């Protein structure tokens, strides 16, 4: 069996306050793309993981991979004793603001729910995912939604975005989330109203990320100059930036115009 782990993007990210537990209260618009990692499972003795693909080396020790944590958590919660040999094709850049590890964990829960014949409803998987990381519940759902609290209190986003052309661009910079959160000015500029125009929203982590990696500003400026872009924004804590386009031709022309910069590019669609 095989499962796509769609790359996560934040079309908006408003920080509200730092919590006593070290997380931040935030409001965000999650969206997911047709581009992502893929996770495959076959029968095996115990639970194992093999990682390959373009970003396999950057994914770190397999023992720390969220896929294994997700698989073991599900097996324990469901009382599963049979094994699973998992293979991850790592295509999403690591530490890129695209939720790669969370996406992989979400895919593992969906995939093993089928492989082990558990037939758990999504709500039960979401509850288990909460203990794996703030973005994992959204990545289990892998559809456009509004996130609040730590980002794991999810509700529907009323504006349909499926099929929207999107270009992902990373200046080949890995960004650790912690330092970016630490650089936030701690000013609450307000939340996100349901169905608000995306152009009126923002990513409150952008200034802190640019201070660490000025190349992000170069990417945002370059995307803003492309024809047909309807929204340009950094995703998550960076360094990946995104642009939405009116049609796929405009997106592809933008990708071609940036291809000489040496940046990582992924033209795709929102799911």
Protein backbone atom coordinates (compact mmCIF):
# COMPACT_ATOMS: atom_id res chain seq x y z
CA UNK A 1 0.00 0.00 0.00
CA UNK A 2 1.12 3.55 -0.67
CA UNK A 3 0.12 6.94 0.75
CA UNK A 4 0.96 10.49 -0.32
CA UNK A 5 2.23 12.84 2.40
CA UNK A 6 1.17 16.20 0.92
CA UNK A 7 3.37 19.20 1.65
CA UNK A 8 1.72 21.63 4.07
CA UNK A 9 1.66 25.37 3.46
CA UNK A 10 0.49 28.20 5.68
CA UNK A 11 -1.44 30.69 3.58
CA UNK A 12 -1.55 32.87 6.69
CA UNK A 13 -0.03 32.58 10.16
CA UNK A 14 -0.95 35.00 12.94
CA UNK A 15 0.85 34.66 16.26
CA UNK A 16 -1.16 35.66 19.32
CA UNK A 17 0.81 34.88 22.49
CA UNK A 18 3.40 32.54 23.98
CA UNK A 19 1.87 29.85 26.17
CA UNK A 20 3.09 28.52 29.50
CA UNK A 21 3.79 25.14 27.86
CA UNK A 22 6.31 26.71 25.48
CA UNK A 23 4.05 26.59 22.44
CA UNK A 24 2.42 29.67 20.92
CA UNK A 25 -1.25 30.39 20.49
CA UNK A 26 -1.70 31.07 16.81
CA UNK A 27 -4.24 31.21 14.04
CA UNK A 28 -3.41 29.84 10.62
CA UNK A 29 -4.87 28.81 7.29
CA UNK A 30 -3.47 25.41 6.41
CA UNK A 31 -3.49 24.18 2.83
CA UNK A 32 -1.96 21.12 1.19
CA UNK A 33 -0.48 20.43 -2.20
CA UNK A 34 -0.39 17.63 -4.74
CA UNK A 35 3.39 17.62 -4.21
CA UNK A 36 4.78 15.64 -1.29
CA UNK A 37 6.58 12.64 0.08
CA UNK A 38 5.30 9.11 -0.46
CA UNK A 39 5.11 6.36 2.14
CA UNK A 40 4.88 2.68 1.26
CA UNK A 41 4.20 -0.27 3.56
CA UNK A 42 4.63 -4.01 3.20
CA UNK A 43 4.48 -6.85 5.69
CA UNK A 44 7.49 -7.08 7.96
CA UNK A 45 8.80 -8.32 11.27
CA UNK A 46 8.31 -5.46 13.72
CA UNK A 47 8.00 -1.84 12.68
CA UNK A 48 10.85 -0.60 10.49
CA UNK A 49 11.59 2.38 8.27
CA UNK A 50 13.80 2.93 5.24
CA UNK A 51 14.25 6.48 3.93
CA UNK A 52 15.35 7.33 0.40
CA UNK A 53 14.80 10.18 -2.03
CA UNK A 54 16.25 13.62 -2.65
CA UNK A 55 16.22 14.72 0.99
CA UNK A 56 16.87 11.39 2.71
CA UNK A 57 20.23 12.47 4.12
CA UNK A 58 18.78 15.67 5.61
CA UNK A 59 15.96 13.77 7.32
CA UNK A 60 18.28 12.78 10.19
CA UNK A 61 18.51 9.50 12.11
CA UNK A 62 15.72 7.11 11.24
CA UNK A 63 15.25 6.37 14.94
CA UNK A 64 14.07 9.98 15.42
CA UNK A 65 11.72 9.98 12.43
CA UNK A 66 8.13 10.97 13.17
CA UNK A 67 6.94 8.12 10.93
CA UNK A 68 8.23 5.58 13.45
CA UNK A 69 6.77 7.52 16.37
CA UNK A 70 3.40 7.66 14.63
CA UNK A 71 3.48 3.97 13.72
CA UNK A 72 4.41 2.87 17.22
CA UNK A 73 1.81 5.16 18.79
CA UNK A 74 -0.92 3.74 16.58
CA UNK A 75 0.18 0.15 17.19
CA UNK A 76 0.17 0.69 20.95
CA UNK A 77 -3.18 2.49 20.99
CA UNK A 78 -4.84 -0.15 18.80
CA UNK A 79 -3.17 -3.18 20.36
CA UNK A 80 -1.57 -4.17 17.05
CA UNK A 81 1.07 -6.89 17.24
CA UNK A 82 1.80 -7.44 13.53
CA UNK A 83 4.67 -5.64 11.86
CA UNK A 84 5.02 -3.10 9.09
CA UNK A 85 8.01 -2.39 6.84
CA UNK A 86 7.75 1.28 5.85
CA UNK A 87 9.64 3.06 3.06
CA UNK A 88 9.64 6.86 2.84
CA UNK A 89 10.51 8.66 -0.41
CA UNK A 90 11.64 12.02 0.98
CA UNK A 91 10.93 14.76 -1.60
CA UNK A 92 9.87 17.62 0.73
CA UNK A 93 12.85 19.72 1.88
CA UNK A 94 13.67 19.37 5.58
CA UNK A 95 13.26 22.34 7.96
CA UNK A 96 11.52 24.25 5.19
CA UNK A 97 8.19 25.41 6.62
CA UNK A 98 6.36 22.71 4.64
CA UNK A 99 5.60 20.39 7.55
CA UNK A 100 7.50 17.49 6.01
CA UNK A 101 7.90 15.46 9.19
CA UNK A 102 4.32 16.15 10.26
CA UNK A 103 3.06 15.26 6.78
CA UNK A 104 4.94 11.97 6.94
CA UNK A 105 3.49 11.20 10.38
CA UNK A 106 -0.01 11.97 9.15
CA UNK A 107 0.51 9.71 6.15
CA UNK A 108 1.77 6.94 8.42
CA UNK A 109 -1.40 7.08 10.54
CA UNK A 110 -3.67 7.00 7.48
CA UNK A 111 -1.66 4.28 5.76
CA UNK A 112 -1.35 1.96 8.76
CA UNK A 113 -5.00 2.48 9.65
CA UNK A 114 -5.74 0.84 6.28
CA UNK A 115 -2.88 -1.67 6.30
CA UNK A 116 -3.76 -3.01 9.73
CA UNK A 117 -7.48 -3.00 8.94
CA UNK A 118 -8.31 -0.81 11.93
CA UNK A 119 -10.96 1.31 10.22
CA UNK A 120 -10.52 4.10 12.75
CA UNK A 121 -12.52 7.24 11.89
CA UNK A 122 -10.53 10.38 11.16
CA UNK A 123 -11.51 11.93 14.50
CA UNK A 124 -9.79 9.10 16.36
CA UNK A 125 -6.63 9.49 14.28
CA UNK A 126 -6.67 13.25 14.92
CA UNK A 127 -6.83 12.69 18.68
CA UNK A 128 -3.80 10.39 18.51
CA UNK A 129 -1.96 12.83 16.24
CA UNK A 130 -2.20 15.63 18.80
CA UNK A 131 0.47 13.95 20.90
CA UNK A 132 2.89 13.79 17.98
CA UNK A 133 3.16 17.51 17.20
CA UNK A 134 1.11 20.64 16.69
CA UNK A 135 0.93 20.31 12.87
CA UNK A 136 0.28 16.56 12.75
CA UNK A 137 -3.53 16.69 13.16
CA UNK A 138 -3.83 19.09 10.20
CA UNK A 139 -1.54 16.80 8.21
CA UNK A 140 -3.73 13.80 8.99
CA UNK A 141 -6.66 15.67 7.45
CA UNK A 142 -4.49 17.08 4.61
CA UNK A 143 -7.15 19.53 3.42
CA UNK A 144 -7.54 23.28 3.64
CA UNK A 145 -8.60 24.21 7.16
CA UNK A 146 -8.34 26.84 9.87
CA UNK A 147 -6.10 26.05 12.83
CA UNK A 148 -6.07 27.76 16.22
CA UNK A 149 -4.63 27.09 19.67
CA UNK A 150 -1.29 25.40 19.00
CA UNK A 151 -2.55 24.89 15.46
CA UNK A 152 -4.23 21.60 16.32
CA UNK A 153 -7.73 22.96 16.99
CA UNK A 154 -9.10 22.56 13.47
CA UNK A 155 -12.20 23.79 11.71
CA UNK A 156 -13.33 24.15 8.12
CA UNK A 157 -12.11 27.06 6.02
CA UNK A 158 -15.12 28.35 4.08
CA UNK A 159 -13.30 29.30 0.86
CA UNK A 160 -12.67 26.54 -1.67
CA UNK A 161 -9.07 26.50 -2.91
CA UNK A 162 -8.76 23.05 -4.49
CA UNK A 163 -7.00 23.17 -7.85
CA UNK A 164 -5.37 26.55 -7.28
CA UNK A 165 -1.94 26.64 -8.99
CA UNK A 166 0.89 27.20 -6.50
CA UNK A 167 4.65 27.57 -6.82
CA UNK A 168 6.87 26.62 -3.88
CA UNK A 169 10.33 28.18 -3.76
CA UNK A 170 13.08 27.58 -1.22
CA UNK A 171 16.47 29.34 -1.44
CA UNK A 172 18.07 26.07 -0.24
CA UNK A 173 18.18 27.31 3.35
CA UNK A 174 17.17 25.08 6.26
CA UNK A 175 15.35 27.00 9.01
CA UNK A 176 14.98 25.71 12.56
CA UNK A 177 11.62 26.77 13.96
CA UNK A 178 12.83 27.67 17.46
CA UNK A 179 15.05 30.64 16.57
CA UNK A 180 12.33 32.09 14.33
CA UNK A 181 9.75 31.94 17.11
CA UNK A 182 12.33 33.48 19.45
CA UNK A 183 12.76 36.41 17.06
CA UNK A 184 9.04 37.23 16.95
CA UNK A 185 8.35 40.75 18.27
CA UNK A 186 5.59 39.40 20.55
CA UNK A 187 3.09 41.93 19.26
CA UNK A 188 -0.40 40.57 18.71
CA UNK A 189 -1.63 42.16 15.49
CA UNK A 190 -4.99 40.41 15.60
CA UNK A 191 -6.53 37.15 14.54
CA UNK A 192 -8.08 35.68 11.40
CA UNK A 193 -11.77 36.09 10.65
CA UNK A 194 -13.48 33.12 9.03
CA UNK A 195 -13.36 33.47 5.27
CA UNK A 196 -11.15 36.57 5.35
CA UNK A 197 -9.47 37.53 2.09
CA UNK A 198 -6.06 35.87 2.10
CA UNK A 199 -4.46 39.03 0.73
CA UNK A 200 -5.49 40.86 3.91
CA UNK A 201 -3.72 38.33 6.15
CA UNK A 202 -0.03 37.82 6.89
CA UNK A 203 2.69 35.56 8.27
CA UNK A 204 3.92 37.02 11.57
CA UNK A 205 7.12 34.95 11.42
CA UNK A 206 8.39 36.54 8.22
CA UNK A 207 10.44 39.38 9.71
CA UNK A 208 12.19 37.08 12.19
CA UNK A 209 12.94 34.53 9.47
CA UNK A 210 14.31 37.18 7.10
CA UNK A 211 16.58 38.47 9.88
CA UNK A 212 18.12 35.00 10.07
CA UNK A 213 18.08 34.21 6.35
CA UNK A 214 17.92 37.36 4.16
CA UNK A 215 17.58 35.17 1.06
CA UNK A 216 13.92 34.73 2.01
CA UNK A 217 13.32 38.40 1.20
CA UNK A 218 14.92 37.84 -2.21
CA UNK A 219 12.53 34.96 -2.92
CA UNK A 220 9.47 36.95 -1.83
CA UNK A 221 10.51 39.91 -3.99
CA UNK A 222 11.14 37.70 -7.01
CA UNK A 223 7.77 35.96 -6.66
CA UNK A 224 5.97 39.28 -6.28
CA UNK A 225 7.35 40.35 -9.67
CA UNK A 226 6.02 37.31 -11.52
CA UNK A 227 2.98 37.78 -13.73
CA UNK A 228 -0.30 36.37 -12.49
CA UNK A 229 0.63 35.93 -8.83
CA UNK A 230 -2.43 36.49 -6.63
CA UNK A 231 -0.75 35.84 -3.27
CA UNK A 232 2.91 35.77 -2.21
CA UNK A 233 3.85 34.65 1.28
CA UNK A 234 6.37 32.72 3.37
CA UNK A 235 5.11 29.38 4.65
CA UNK A 236 5.40 28.49 8.32
CA UNK A 237 8.74 29.48 9.81
CA UNK A 238 10.41 29.46 6.38
CA UNK A 239 12.47 29.35 4.38
CA UNK A 240 10.04 28.14 1.71
CA UNK A 241 7.89 30.82 0.11
CA UNK A 242 4.81 30.35 -2.02
CA UNK A 243 2.86 32.12 -4.71
CA UNK A 244 -0.68 31.37 -5.85
CA UNK A 245 -1.50 31.99 -9.51
CA UNK A 246 -4.58 32.63 -11.59
CA UNK A 247 -3.77 29.64 -13.83
CA UNK A 248 -1.17 26.92 -14.35
CA UNK A 249 0.36 28.66 -17.35
CA UNK A 250 1.23 31.71 -15.25
CA UNK A 251 2.66 29.45 -12.54
CA UNK A 252 4.80 27.52 -15.00
CA UNK A 253 6.05 30.72 -16.63
CA UNK A 254 7.03 31.99 -13.16
CA UNK A 255 8.90 28.77 -12.43
CA UNK A 256 10.77 29.06 -15.73
CA UNK A 257 11.70 32.67 -14.98
CA UNK A 258 13.21 31.69 -11.63
CA UNK A 259 14.91 28.46 -12.70
CA UNK A 260 18.30 30.15 -13.18
CA UNK A 261 18.49 31.27 -9.53
CA UNK A 262 19.59 27.92 -8.16
CA UNK A 263 16.61 27.77 -5.82
CA UNK A 264 14.52 24.66 -5.14
CA UNK A 265 11.24 24.93 -7.04
CA UNK A 266 8.05 22.88 -7.00
CA UNK A 267 5.14 23.91 -9.25
CA UNK A 268 2.00 22.09 -8.10
CA UNK A 269 -1.67 22.53 -7.15
CA UNK A 270 -3.57 22.93 -3.91
CA UNK A 271 -5.58 19.85 -2.96
